[in-house]
N, C-alpha and C. Protein backbone atom coordinates (compact mmCIF):
# COMPACT_ATOMS: atom_id res chain seq x y z
N MET A 1 106.12 -24.34 65.28
CA MET A 1 105.22 -23.30 64.90
C MET A 1 104.13 -23.17 65.87
N SER A 2 104.01 -22.04 66.44
CA SER A 2 102.91 -21.83 67.40
C SER A 2 102.48 -20.41 67.32
N GLY A 3 101.38 -20.12 68.01
CA GLY A 3 100.89 -18.74 68.10
C GLY A 3 99.86 -18.42 67.01
N ALA A 4 99.29 -17.26 67.22
CA ALA A 4 98.23 -16.79 66.29
C ALA A 4 98.87 -16.37 65.00
N PHE A 5 98.10 -16.49 63.94
CA PHE A 5 98.49 -16.02 62.58
C PHE A 5 97.43 -15.07 62.13
N PRO A 6 97.63 -13.73 62.34
CA PRO A 6 96.55 -12.78 61.97
C PRO A 6 96.46 -12.58 60.49
N ILE A 7 95.20 -12.64 59.97
CA ILE A 7 94.87 -12.52 58.59
C ILE A 7 93.78 -11.46 58.44
N LEU A 8 94.00 -10.49 57.59
CA LEU A 8 92.98 -9.51 57.24
C LEU A 8 92.18 -10.03 56.03
N VAL A 9 90.88 -10.09 56.14
CA VAL A 9 90.04 -10.46 54.98
C VAL A 9 89.22 -9.25 54.59
N VAL A 10 89.40 -8.89 53.33
CA VAL A 10 88.60 -7.77 52.77
C VAL A 10 87.68 -8.37 51.75
N ASP A 11 86.40 -8.51 52.12
CA ASP A 11 85.39 -9.14 51.25
C ASP A 11 84.06 -8.66 51.61
N ASP A 12 83.26 -8.25 50.66
CA ASP A 12 81.93 -7.73 50.98
C ASP A 12 80.82 -8.76 50.99
N GLU A 13 81.15 -10.03 50.87
CA GLU A 13 80.20 -11.15 50.99
C GLU A 13 80.31 -11.69 52.44
N ALA A 14 79.24 -11.44 53.24
CA ALA A 14 79.24 -11.78 54.64
C ALA A 14 79.50 -13.24 54.91
N HIS A 15 78.98 -14.13 54.02
CA HIS A 15 79.14 -15.55 54.19
C HIS A 15 80.59 -16.02 54.14
N VAL A 16 81.46 -15.30 53.50
CA VAL A 16 82.86 -15.67 53.38
C VAL A 16 83.51 -15.71 54.80
N ALA A 17 83.13 -14.79 55.67
CA ALA A 17 83.64 -14.77 57.04
C ALA A 17 83.27 -16.01 57.75
N ASP A 18 82.02 -16.40 57.63
CA ASP A 18 81.51 -17.59 58.35
C ASP A 18 82.16 -18.84 57.82
N ILE A 19 82.27 -18.94 56.48
CA ILE A 19 82.87 -20.11 55.85
C ILE A 19 84.30 -20.22 56.26
N LEU A 20 85.08 -19.12 56.22
CA LEU A 20 86.52 -19.19 56.65
C LEU A 20 86.62 -19.62 58.09
N ASN A 21 85.83 -19.03 58.96
CA ASN A 21 85.92 -19.41 60.35
C ASN A 21 85.66 -20.86 60.59
N ARG A 22 84.58 -21.44 59.93
CA ARG A 22 84.26 -22.84 60.10
C ARG A 22 85.31 -23.71 59.47
N ALA A 23 85.85 -23.34 58.29
CA ALA A 23 86.83 -24.18 57.62
C ALA A 23 88.13 -24.17 58.43
N ALA A 24 88.42 -23.11 59.12
CA ALA A 24 89.74 -23.02 59.81
C ALA A 24 89.75 -23.68 61.19
N ILE A 25 88.58 -24.04 61.69
CA ILE A 25 88.52 -24.68 63.01
C ILE A 25 89.54 -25.84 63.14
N ASN A 26 89.51 -26.76 62.18
CA ASN A 26 90.44 -27.91 62.19
C ASN A 26 91.59 -27.72 61.17
N SER A 27 91.32 -26.93 60.14
CA SER A 27 92.33 -26.86 59.05
C SER A 27 93.43 -25.80 59.30
N PHE A 28 93.11 -24.76 60.04
CA PHE A 28 94.07 -23.68 60.30
C PHE A 28 93.69 -23.04 61.62
N PRO A 29 93.80 -23.73 62.75
CA PRO A 29 93.35 -23.17 64.03
C PRO A 29 94.16 -21.94 64.46
N GLU A 30 95.33 -21.78 63.95
CA GLU A 30 96.15 -20.60 64.31
C GLU A 30 95.63 -19.32 63.65
N ALA A 31 94.86 -19.45 62.63
CA ALA A 31 94.36 -18.25 61.88
C ALA A 31 93.44 -17.46 62.73
N LYS A 32 93.70 -16.17 62.82
CA LYS A 32 92.86 -15.23 63.52
C LYS A 32 92.43 -14.17 62.50
N PHE A 33 91.24 -14.34 61.99
CA PHE A 33 90.66 -13.52 60.90
C PHE A 33 90.12 -12.22 61.41
N THR A 34 90.44 -11.11 60.77
CA THR A 34 89.75 -9.86 60.94
C THR A 34 89.05 -9.56 59.66
N TYR A 35 87.78 -9.22 59.69
CA TYR A 35 86.98 -9.00 58.48
C TYR A 35 86.62 -7.55 58.33
N VAL A 36 86.78 -7.03 57.12
CA VAL A 36 86.21 -5.78 56.73
C VAL A 36 85.54 -5.97 55.41
N SER A 37 84.50 -5.16 55.13
CA SER A 37 83.75 -5.39 53.95
C SER A 37 83.73 -4.34 52.90
N SER A 38 84.60 -3.32 53.04
CA SER A 38 84.65 -2.27 52.03
C SER A 38 86.05 -1.66 52.02
N PHE A 39 86.31 -0.96 50.98
CA PHE A 39 87.53 -0.18 50.83
C PHE A 39 87.67 0.72 51.99
N LYS A 40 86.62 1.47 52.36
CA LYS A 40 86.67 2.42 53.45
C LYS A 40 87.03 1.72 54.77
N GLU A 41 86.41 0.59 55.06
CA GLU A 41 86.76 -0.16 56.30
C GLU A 41 88.20 -0.63 56.28
N ALA A 42 88.61 -1.13 55.12
CA ALA A 42 89.97 -1.67 55.01
C ALA A 42 91.02 -0.56 55.27
N VAL A 43 90.75 0.65 54.77
CA VAL A 43 91.66 1.75 54.96
C VAL A 43 91.65 2.18 56.42
N GLY A 44 90.46 2.21 57.02
CA GLY A 44 90.35 2.53 58.40
C GLY A 44 91.09 1.54 59.28
N TYR A 45 91.00 0.25 58.97
CA TYR A 45 91.71 -0.77 59.72
C TYR A 45 93.22 -0.54 59.56
N LEU A 46 93.70 -0.36 58.38
CA LEU A 46 95.12 -0.17 58.15
C LEU A 46 95.62 1.11 58.89
N ASP A 47 94.86 2.18 58.75
CA ASP A 47 95.29 3.44 59.42
C ASP A 47 95.26 3.37 60.93
N GLY A 48 94.37 2.48 61.49
CA GLY A 48 94.22 2.33 62.95
C GLY A 48 95.09 1.28 63.52
N LEU A 49 95.90 0.61 62.77
CA LEU A 49 96.73 -0.51 63.32
C LEU A 49 97.79 0.08 64.27
N ARG A 50 97.89 -0.55 65.42
CA ARG A 50 98.98 -0.28 66.40
C ARG A 50 99.49 -1.62 66.78
N GLY A 51 100.85 -1.77 66.86
CA GLY A 51 101.40 -3.08 67.27
C GLY A 51 101.52 -3.98 66.10
N VAL A 52 101.37 -5.28 66.35
CA VAL A 52 101.57 -6.32 65.30
C VAL A 52 100.41 -6.25 64.31
N GLY A 53 100.78 -6.23 63.05
CA GLY A 53 99.75 -6.21 62.00
C GLY A 53 99.52 -7.61 61.42
N PRO A 54 98.65 -7.71 60.44
CA PRO A 54 98.34 -9.00 59.85
C PRO A 54 99.58 -9.56 59.11
N LYS A 55 99.64 -10.90 59.06
CA LYS A 55 100.75 -11.55 58.34
C LYS A 55 100.32 -11.84 56.88
N LEU A 56 99.02 -11.65 56.61
CA LEU A 56 98.49 -12.03 55.30
C LEU A 56 97.17 -11.23 55.09
N VAL A 57 96.94 -10.81 53.85
CA VAL A 57 95.68 -10.17 53.48
C VAL A 57 95.07 -11.03 52.41
N LEU A 58 93.82 -11.41 52.62
CA LEU A 58 92.95 -12.08 51.58
C LEU A 58 92.07 -11.03 51.10
N LEU A 59 92.14 -10.66 49.81
CA LEU A 59 91.49 -9.48 49.22
C LEU A 59 90.56 -9.90 48.04
N ASP A 60 89.29 -9.60 48.21
CA ASP A 60 88.37 -9.76 47.10
C ASP A 60 88.51 -8.59 46.12
N LEU A 61 88.67 -8.92 44.83
CA LEU A 61 88.77 -7.82 43.86
C LEU A 61 87.49 -7.09 43.60
N ASP A 62 86.36 -7.85 43.74
CA ASP A 62 85.09 -7.37 43.32
C ASP A 62 84.25 -6.72 44.44
N LEU A 63 84.88 -5.86 45.23
CA LEU A 63 84.12 -5.15 46.26
C LEU A 63 83.07 -4.32 45.52
N LYS A 64 81.86 -4.31 46.05
CA LYS A 64 80.78 -3.63 45.37
C LYS A 64 80.86 -2.06 45.60
N SER A 65 81.81 -1.69 46.43
CA SER A 65 82.03 -0.22 46.67
C SER A 65 83.04 0.28 45.62
N THR A 66 82.99 1.59 45.53
CA THR A 66 84.05 2.35 44.79
C THR A 66 84.69 3.26 45.76
N PRO A 67 85.99 3.19 45.93
CA PRO A 67 86.98 2.43 45.29
C PRO A 67 86.77 0.92 45.61
N ASN A 68 87.50 0.06 44.84
CA ASN A 68 87.29 -1.40 44.96
C ASN A 68 88.56 -2.09 45.45
N GLY A 69 88.54 -3.42 45.32
CA GLY A 69 89.69 -4.21 45.77
C GLY A 69 91.03 -3.88 45.13
N LEU A 70 91.01 -3.61 43.84
CA LEU A 70 92.24 -3.23 43.19
C LEU A 70 92.78 -1.89 43.69
N ASP A 71 91.90 -1.02 44.05
CA ASP A 71 92.28 0.29 44.59
C ASP A 71 92.90 0.13 46.00
N PHE A 72 92.35 -0.80 46.80
CA PHE A 72 92.96 -1.09 48.11
C PHE A 72 94.33 -1.71 47.90
N LEU A 73 94.46 -2.62 46.94
CA LEU A 73 95.75 -3.25 46.68
C LEU A 73 96.81 -2.23 46.33
N SER A 74 96.44 -1.26 45.46
CA SER A 74 97.38 -0.15 45.15
C SER A 74 97.76 0.65 46.36
N LEU A 75 96.73 0.95 47.21
CA LEU A 75 96.96 1.75 48.44
C LEU A 75 97.91 0.99 49.38
N ILE A 76 97.64 -0.30 49.64
CA ILE A 76 98.48 -1.03 50.60
C ILE A 76 99.90 -1.19 50.14
N ARG A 77 100.09 -1.25 48.83
CA ARG A 77 101.44 -1.38 48.27
C ARG A 77 102.25 -0.06 48.43
N HIS A 78 101.55 1.01 48.73
CA HIS A 78 102.25 2.28 48.93
C HIS A 78 102.32 2.69 50.42
N HIS A 79 101.78 1.81 51.32
CA HIS A 79 101.80 2.09 52.75
C HIS A 79 103.14 1.61 53.31
N PRO A 80 103.79 2.40 54.21
CA PRO A 80 105.10 2.07 54.70
C PRO A 80 105.30 0.62 55.22
N GLN A 81 104.33 0.17 56.05
CA GLN A 81 104.41 -1.20 56.55
C GLN A 81 103.59 -2.14 55.72
N GLY A 82 102.46 -1.63 55.24
CA GLY A 82 101.51 -2.47 54.55
C GLY A 82 102.07 -3.07 53.26
N ARG A 83 103.02 -2.34 52.66
CA ARG A 83 103.60 -2.83 51.40
C ARG A 83 104.35 -4.12 51.57
N LEU A 84 104.70 -4.48 52.85
CA LEU A 84 105.45 -5.72 53.12
C LEU A 84 104.54 -6.94 53.38
N ILE A 85 103.24 -6.73 53.48
CA ILE A 85 102.27 -7.79 53.84
C ILE A 85 101.93 -8.55 52.51
N PRO A 86 102.06 -9.89 52.51
CA PRO A 86 101.58 -10.63 51.36
C PRO A 86 100.10 -10.46 51.13
N VAL A 87 99.71 -10.19 49.91
CA VAL A 87 98.28 -9.97 49.58
C VAL A 87 97.86 -11.07 48.59
N VAL A 88 96.95 -11.91 48.96
CA VAL A 88 96.42 -12.96 48.15
C VAL A 88 95.05 -12.59 47.72
N ILE A 89 94.92 -12.49 46.39
CA ILE A 89 93.61 -12.17 45.80
C ILE A 89 92.71 -13.38 45.91
N LEU A 90 91.50 -13.15 46.35
CA LEU A 90 90.47 -14.19 46.50
C LEU A 90 89.25 -13.72 45.63
N SER A 91 89.14 -14.23 44.44
CA SER A 91 88.18 -13.70 43.46
C SER A 91 87.21 -14.77 42.94
N SER A 92 86.06 -14.34 42.64
CA SER A 92 85.06 -15.24 41.98
C SER A 92 85.30 -15.27 40.48
N HIS A 93 86.05 -14.34 39.97
CA HIS A 93 86.27 -14.25 38.50
C HIS A 93 87.72 -14.45 38.17
N ALA A 94 88.01 -15.69 37.66
CA ALA A 94 89.34 -16.07 37.35
C ALA A 94 89.71 -15.69 35.89
N THR A 95 89.57 -14.47 35.51
CA THR A 95 89.91 -14.13 34.14
C THR A 95 91.42 -13.79 34.10
N THR A 96 91.98 -13.94 32.94
CA THR A 96 93.39 -13.57 32.72
C THR A 96 93.56 -12.05 33.00
N GLU A 97 92.60 -11.29 32.56
CA GLU A 97 92.71 -9.79 32.75
C GLU A 97 92.77 -9.45 34.29
N ASN A 98 91.85 -10.10 34.97
CA ASN A 98 91.83 -9.80 36.49
C ASN A 98 93.15 -10.25 37.13
N ARG A 99 93.55 -11.45 36.77
CA ARG A 99 94.79 -11.94 37.35
C ARG A 99 96.00 -11.08 37.03
N ASP A 100 96.12 -10.70 35.75
CA ASP A 100 97.29 -9.89 35.28
C ASP A 100 97.26 -8.53 35.95
N GLU A 101 96.09 -7.93 36.04
CA GLU A 101 95.97 -6.55 36.62
C GLU A 101 96.35 -6.62 38.10
N ALA A 102 95.88 -7.66 38.80
CA ALA A 102 96.15 -7.81 40.26
C ALA A 102 97.67 -7.97 40.46
N ILE A 103 98.28 -8.83 39.69
CA ILE A 103 99.74 -9.06 39.84
C ILE A 103 100.50 -7.80 39.47
N MET A 104 100.07 -7.06 38.44
CA MET A 104 100.78 -5.82 38.05
C MET A 104 100.68 -4.78 39.16
N ARG A 105 99.57 -4.79 39.97
CA ARG A 105 99.36 -3.88 40.99
C ARG A 105 100.03 -4.28 42.30
N GLY A 106 100.60 -5.45 42.32
CA GLY A 106 101.38 -5.86 43.48
C GLY A 106 100.83 -7.02 44.32
N ALA A 107 99.82 -7.74 43.78
CA ALA A 107 99.30 -8.94 44.50
C ALA A 107 100.43 -9.95 44.56
N THR A 108 100.50 -10.65 45.66
CA THR A 108 101.49 -11.73 45.86
C THR A 108 101.02 -12.99 45.11
N ALA A 109 99.71 -13.23 45.13
CA ALA A 109 99.13 -14.43 44.48
C ALA A 109 97.68 -14.12 44.10
N PHE A 110 97.17 -14.96 43.19
CA PHE A 110 95.78 -14.84 42.75
C PHE A 110 95.11 -16.20 42.89
N THR A 111 94.05 -16.25 43.64
CA THR A 111 93.36 -17.47 43.85
C THR A 111 91.84 -17.32 43.54
N VAL A 112 91.18 -18.40 43.22
CA VAL A 112 89.77 -18.39 42.97
C VAL A 112 89.01 -18.85 44.17
N LYS A 113 87.91 -18.22 44.47
CA LYS A 113 87.06 -18.59 45.63
C LYS A 113 86.55 -20.00 45.42
N PRO A 114 86.72 -20.82 46.43
CA PRO A 114 86.15 -22.17 46.34
C PRO A 114 84.58 -22.14 46.31
N PHE A 115 83.98 -23.23 45.84
CA PHE A 115 82.56 -23.29 45.74
C PHE A 115 81.92 -24.08 46.94
N SER A 116 82.42 -25.25 47.19
CA SER A 116 81.82 -26.11 48.20
C SER A 116 82.60 -25.89 49.54
N PHE A 117 81.96 -26.32 50.64
CA PHE A 117 82.59 -26.19 51.94
C PHE A 117 83.86 -27.09 51.97
N ALA A 118 83.79 -28.25 51.35
CA ALA A 118 84.97 -29.18 51.29
C ALA A 118 86.16 -28.41 50.55
N ASP A 119 85.81 -27.68 49.50
CA ASP A 119 86.81 -26.92 48.78
C ASP A 119 87.44 -25.79 49.64
N TRP A 120 86.55 -25.21 50.47
CA TRP A 120 86.99 -24.10 51.40
C TRP A 120 87.94 -24.70 52.38
N LYS A 121 87.64 -25.88 52.90
CA LYS A 121 88.57 -26.51 53.91
C LYS A 121 89.91 -26.84 53.26
N LYS A 122 89.84 -27.31 52.04
CA LYS A 122 91.09 -27.60 51.29
C LYS A 122 91.87 -26.28 51.12
N TYR A 123 91.20 -25.23 50.72
CA TYR A 123 91.83 -23.89 50.44
C TYR A 123 92.51 -23.44 51.76
N VAL A 124 91.80 -23.48 52.88
CA VAL A 124 92.34 -23.07 54.19
C VAL A 124 93.52 -23.93 54.59
N THR A 125 93.45 -25.22 54.36
CA THR A 125 94.56 -26.12 54.67
C THR A 125 95.77 -25.72 53.84
N GLU A 126 95.58 -25.42 52.55
CA GLU A 126 96.66 -25.01 51.68
C GLU A 126 97.27 -23.66 52.08
N LEU A 127 96.41 -22.76 52.54
CA LEU A 127 96.88 -21.49 53.14
C LEU A 127 97.81 -21.76 54.31
N ARG A 128 97.38 -22.65 55.15
CA ARG A 128 98.20 -22.98 56.39
C ARG A 128 99.48 -23.64 55.98
N ILE A 129 99.44 -24.56 55.07
CA ILE A 129 100.71 -25.28 54.67
C ILE A 129 101.68 -24.27 54.09
N TYR A 130 101.28 -23.39 53.20
CA TYR A 130 102.22 -22.49 52.55
C TYR A 130 102.56 -21.32 53.47
N TRP A 131 101.54 -20.57 53.95
CA TRP A 131 101.82 -19.33 54.63
C TRP A 131 102.25 -19.50 56.08
N PHE A 132 101.89 -20.53 56.72
CA PHE A 132 102.16 -20.73 58.15
C PHE A 132 103.30 -21.72 58.36
N GLN A 133 103.35 -22.83 57.56
CA GLN A 133 104.37 -23.83 57.76
C GLN A 133 105.61 -23.71 56.82
N THR A 134 105.40 -23.25 55.62
CA THR A 134 106.50 -23.26 54.68
C THR A 134 107.33 -22.00 54.67
N VAL A 135 106.71 -20.86 54.51
CA VAL A 135 107.43 -19.59 54.37
C VAL A 135 107.53 -18.93 55.75
N THR A 136 108.45 -18.05 55.91
CA THR A 136 108.60 -17.28 57.07
C THR A 136 108.20 -15.84 56.80
N ILE A 137 107.24 -15.32 57.54
CA ILE A 137 106.78 -14.00 57.37
C ILE A 137 107.12 -13.19 58.62
N PRO A 138 107.87 -12.18 58.59
CA PRO A 138 108.28 -11.42 59.78
C PRO A 138 107.03 -10.69 60.36
N LYS A 139 107.10 -10.48 61.63
CA LYS A 139 106.04 -9.64 62.28
C LYS A 139 106.26 -8.21 61.82
N LEU A 140 105.19 -7.58 61.45
CA LEU A 140 105.27 -6.15 61.10
C LEU A 140 104.57 -5.36 62.21
N TYR A 141 105.28 -4.35 62.67
CA TYR A 141 104.75 -3.52 63.76
C TYR A 141 104.31 -2.16 63.12
N PHE A 142 103.12 -1.78 63.50
CA PHE A 142 102.50 -0.53 63.05
C PHE A 142 102.52 0.46 64.19
N ASP A 143 102.91 1.68 63.94
CA ASP A 143 103.02 2.64 65.03
C ASP A 143 102.20 3.91 64.68
N SER A 144 101.71 4.05 63.50
CA SER A 144 100.91 5.18 63.12
C SER A 144 100.03 4.88 61.98
């Protein structure tokens, strides 16, 4: 296993980008994160993709903008190439209702945001073990 592993992170909390970058230095060095902080930015990113797209999306349900994370999940699941990208929900609210709604709308998995930096490192390590080492995700090419 070698090479970059592109991950789109859709989260409106700026510190999440910093934490993921720091946690990934040793835990998932292949991860190449692209951050957007709103539904509008996420749609712009998806619409502007050319070439190889992300292999994984980490999506916060609770974007403070409207439309929100669930709306982006529905949109990406109807996109010709985007529908094939695994989407992992990264939420502060682990309610059964949130989880069930996300899965019904097409989320691949539902996870809870870690609290401590040590927990973030463990989370990123687990992302690497499963999404980079265990499963095979094909490269998706975007042309329009």
